[in-house]
Amino acid sequence: MKFELPFKEEIYNEQMTLNFNTAWNENLKKNKKRLIWAIPMILLGGLIIYGENNLGFLFIAIGIHYLINFYDYYSFYKKSKNNFFELVETEKNGQIEANENSIWEFNDDHFRYKDYKYETKIKWQAFKSTRVIDKNLFIDLNIGNNSSYVIGETELGTENFNKVAEFVKTKIE
């Protein structure tokens, strides 16, 4: 199966946002738990100190520790998000300027992708998994953190998208 797809900015933005959110979602939930623990610990420590017991300082220290960890991770997340979307913006501008179709080819022994910048041919063994999230097919590589090729139902049409998703699933799993 071979598809030549024009670049569509709105679809690309949606896919990259979905990719980023999917990668960070679980860790953000864990980080929110730090905040959920920090606030009650600090309040409980304050109440214990108010009751004239020095044990409250221990609860306040633990709460502050959770709070600092929350802030450090949140700062790292914000920085990573800004860097990621700067790269997305650069790539988007390059795609728009080049005004070329991308080629997605699904063969029995390999996957081939070509766009304005590069062309790659990857054997199916190089992929670790496939996922369908919000009508987008993620084809995940074995290397790197969340390195994926993403193609959507809106680009292929429902029938072709289902064919590709089933084909890729048979090749990877």
Protein backbone atom coordinates (compact mmCIF):
# COMPACT_ATOMS: atom_id res chain seq x y z
CA MET A 1 0.00 0.00 0.00
CA LYS A 2 1.34 3.38 -0.96
CA PHE A 3 -0.10 6.80 -0.15
CA GLU A 4 0.98 10.27 -1.26
CA LEU A 5 -0.34 12.77 1.23
CA PRO A 6 -0.25 16.55 1.07
CA PHE A 7 0.88 18.35 4.23
CA LYS A 8 -2.03 19.75 6.24
CA GLU A 9 -1.03 22.09 9.03
CA GLU A 10 -4.09 21.54 11.25
CA ILE A 11 -3.76 17.74 11.12
CA TYR A 12 -0.04 17.95 11.87
CA ASN A 13 -0.69 20.22 14.87
CA GLU A 14 -3.33 17.84 16.23
CA GLN A 15 -1.08 14.79 15.79
CA MET A 16 1.94 16.40 17.42
CA THR A 17 -0.15 17.67 20.34
CA LEU A 18 -1.64 14.21 20.78
CA ASN A 19 1.83 12.64 20.57
CA PHE A 20 3.23 15.01 23.21
CA ASN A 21 0.26 14.64 25.57
CA THR A 22 0.30 10.86 25.28
CA ALA A 23 4.00 10.74 26.12
CA TRP A 24 3.70 13.00 29.17
CA ASN A 25 0.23 12.11 30.51
CA GLU A 26 1.19 9.35 32.95
CA ASN A 27 4.11 11.25 34.48
CA LEU A 28 2.02 14.40 34.87
CA LYS A 29 -0.55 12.41 36.85
CA LYS A 30 2.21 11.13 39.14
CA ASN A 31 3.52 14.64 39.57
CA LYS A 32 0.08 15.96 40.54
CA LYS A 33 0.03 13.37 43.32
CA ARG A 34 3.11 15.07 44.77
CA LEU A 35 1.15 18.30 45.03
CA ILE A 36 -1.83 16.46 46.49
CA TRP A 37 0.46 15.06 49.21
CA ALA A 38 2.40 18.30 49.75
CA ILE A 39 -0.47 20.58 50.68
CA PRO A 40 -2.09 18.34 53.33
CA MET A 41 1.32 17.52 54.83
CA ILE A 42 2.14 21.20 55.25
CA LEU A 43 -1.30 21.97 56.67
CA LEU A 44 -1.18 19.00 59.03
CA GLY A 45 2.31 20.00 60.15
CA GLY A 46 1.10 23.53 60.81
CA LEU A 47 -1.80 22.22 62.90
CA ILE A 48 0.49 19.95 64.90
CA ILE A 49 2.90 22.82 65.56
CA TYR A 50 -0.05 25.01 66.56
CA GLY A 51 -0.90 22.28 69.07
CA GLU A 52 2.62 22.80 70.47
CA ASN A 53 4.18 19.59 69.21
CA ASN A 54 7.48 19.74 67.32
CA LEU A 55 6.57 16.66 65.26
CA GLY A 56 4.74 19.09 62.98
CA PHE A 57 8.07 20.31 61.61
CA LEU A 58 8.66 16.82 60.19
CA PHE A 59 5.33 16.93 58.33
CA ILE A 60 6.11 20.42 57.03
CA ALA A 61 9.55 19.26 55.84
CA ILE A 62 8.03 16.28 54.02
CA GLY A 63 5.39 18.54 52.46
CA ILE A 64 8.02 21.03 51.32
CA HIS A 65 10.05 18.17 49.84
CA TYR A 66 7.01 17.04 47.82
CA LEU A 67 6.35 20.65 46.80
CA ILE A 68 9.93 21.17 45.57
CA ASN A 69 9.82 17.91 43.60
CA PHE A 70 6.50 18.96 42.07
CA TYR A 71 7.90 22.33 41.05
CA ASP A 72 11.14 20.85 39.62
CA TYR A 73 9.24 18.34 37.49
CA TYR A 74 6.69 20.91 36.37
CA SER A 75 9.50 23.27 35.31
CA PHE A 76 11.16 20.44 33.37
CA TYR A 77 7.80 19.64 31.71
CA LYS A 78 7.23 23.25 30.66
CA LYS A 79 10.75 23.52 29.23
CA SER A 80 10.35 20.23 27.34
CA LYS A 81 6.98 21.33 26.01
CA ASN A 82 8.39 24.61 24.73
CA ASN A 83 11.33 22.86 23.07
CA PHE A 84 9.08 20.22 21.48
CA PHE A 85 6.65 22.74 20.04
CA GLU A 86 9.47 24.94 18.77
CA LEU A 87 10.70 21.91 16.82
CA VAL A 88 7.16 21.24 15.63
CA GLU A 89 6.86 24.83 14.42
CA THR A 90 10.19 24.60 12.57
CA GLU A 91 9.16 21.32 10.92
CA LYS A 92 5.76 22.71 10.03
CA ASN A 93 7.32 25.76 8.36
CA GLY A 94 9.70 23.52 6.42
CA GLN A 95 6.83 21.34 5.20
CA ILE A 96 4.79 24.37 4.14
CA GLU A 97 7.73 25.96 2.35
CA ALA A 98 8.65 22.74 0.50
CA ASN A 99 5.03 22.13 -0.54
CA GLU A 100 5.70 18.44 -1.28
CA ASN A 101 3.59 15.38 -0.62
CA SER A 102 4.81 12.85 1.88
CA ILE A 103 4.95 9.21 0.82
CA TRP A 104 3.83 6.43 3.15
CA GLU A 105 4.52 2.96 1.84
CA PHE A 106 3.59 -0.23 3.69
CA ASN A 107 5.27 -3.32 2.20
CA ASP A 108 5.55 -6.89 3.44
CA ASP A 109 9.18 -6.53 4.50
CA HIS A 110 9.48 -2.81 5.33
CA PHE A 111 7.89 0.55 5.96
CA ARG A 112 8.98 3.48 3.80
CA TYR A 113 8.48 7.16 4.52
CA LYS A 114 9.59 10.12 2.42
CA ASP A 115 9.07 13.82 2.88
CA TYR A 116 10.82 17.04 1.83
CA LYS A 117 13.73 16.47 4.21
CA TYR A 118 14.51 12.77 4.22
CA GLU A 119 13.60 9.33 3.00
CA THR A 120 13.73 6.22 5.16
CA LYS A 121 13.07 2.54 4.69
CA ILE A 122 12.66 0.60 7.95
CA LYS A 123 12.23 -3.14 8.42
CA TRP A 124 9.27 -4.13 10.56
CA GLN A 125 11.57 -5.64 13.21
CA ALA A 126 12.68 -2.09 14.10
CA PHE A 127 9.22 -1.27 15.46
CA LYS A 128 8.12 -2.21 18.96
CA SER A 129 4.39 -1.50 18.90
CA THR A 130 1.45 0.12 17.25
CA ARG A 131 -1.36 2.11 18.85
CA VAL A 132 -4.53 3.77 17.64
CA ILE A 133 -5.37 6.89 19.64
CA ASP A 134 -8.15 9.28 18.61
CA LYS A 135 -8.25 7.88 15.07
CA ASN A 136 -4.48 8.24 14.65
CA LEU A 137 -2.15 5.29 14.10
CA PHE A 138 1.12 5.48 16.02
CA ILE A 139 3.87 3.20 14.73
CA ASP A 140 6.46 3.17 17.53
CA LEU A 141 10.14 2.54 16.88
CA ASN A 142 12.36 0.47 19.20
CA ILE A 143 14.78 3.37 19.63
CA GLY A 144 14.48 6.64 21.50
CA ASN A 145 11.74 7.95 23.67
CA ASN A 146 8.39 7.93 21.95
CA SER A 147 9.78 7.96 18.43
CA SER A 148 6.74 7.31 16.31
CA TYR A 149 5.33 7.74 12.88
CA VAL A 150 1.78 9.06 13.06
CA ILE A 151 -0.85 8.87 10.36
CA GLY A 152 -4.52 9.71 10.79
CA GLU A 153 -7.86 8.53 9.56
CA THR A 154 -8.58 12.04 8.28
CA GLU A 155 -5.57 11.74 5.95
CA LEU A 156 -6.30 8.26 4.60
CA GLY A 157 -10.05 7.91 4.85
CA THR A 158 -11.76 5.36 7.08
CA GLU A 159 -11.43 2.34 4.80
CA ASN A 160 -7.72 2.83 4.01
CA PHE A 161 -6.96 3.72 7.63
CA ASN A 162 -8.50 0.45 8.85
CA LYS A 163 -6.58 -1.53 6.21
CA VAL A 164 -3.29 0.09 7.18
CA ALA A 165 -3.93 -0.34 10.92
CA GLU A 166 -4.67 -4.05 10.48
CA PHE A 167 -1.70 -4.56 8.18
CA VAL A 168 0.73 -2.83 10.55
CA LYS A 169 -0.65 -4.76 13.51
CA THR A 170 0.09 -8.06 11.75
CA LYS A 171 3.64 -6.94 10.95
CA ILE A 172 4.58 -5.64 14.39
CA GLU A 173 2.81 -7.88 16.91
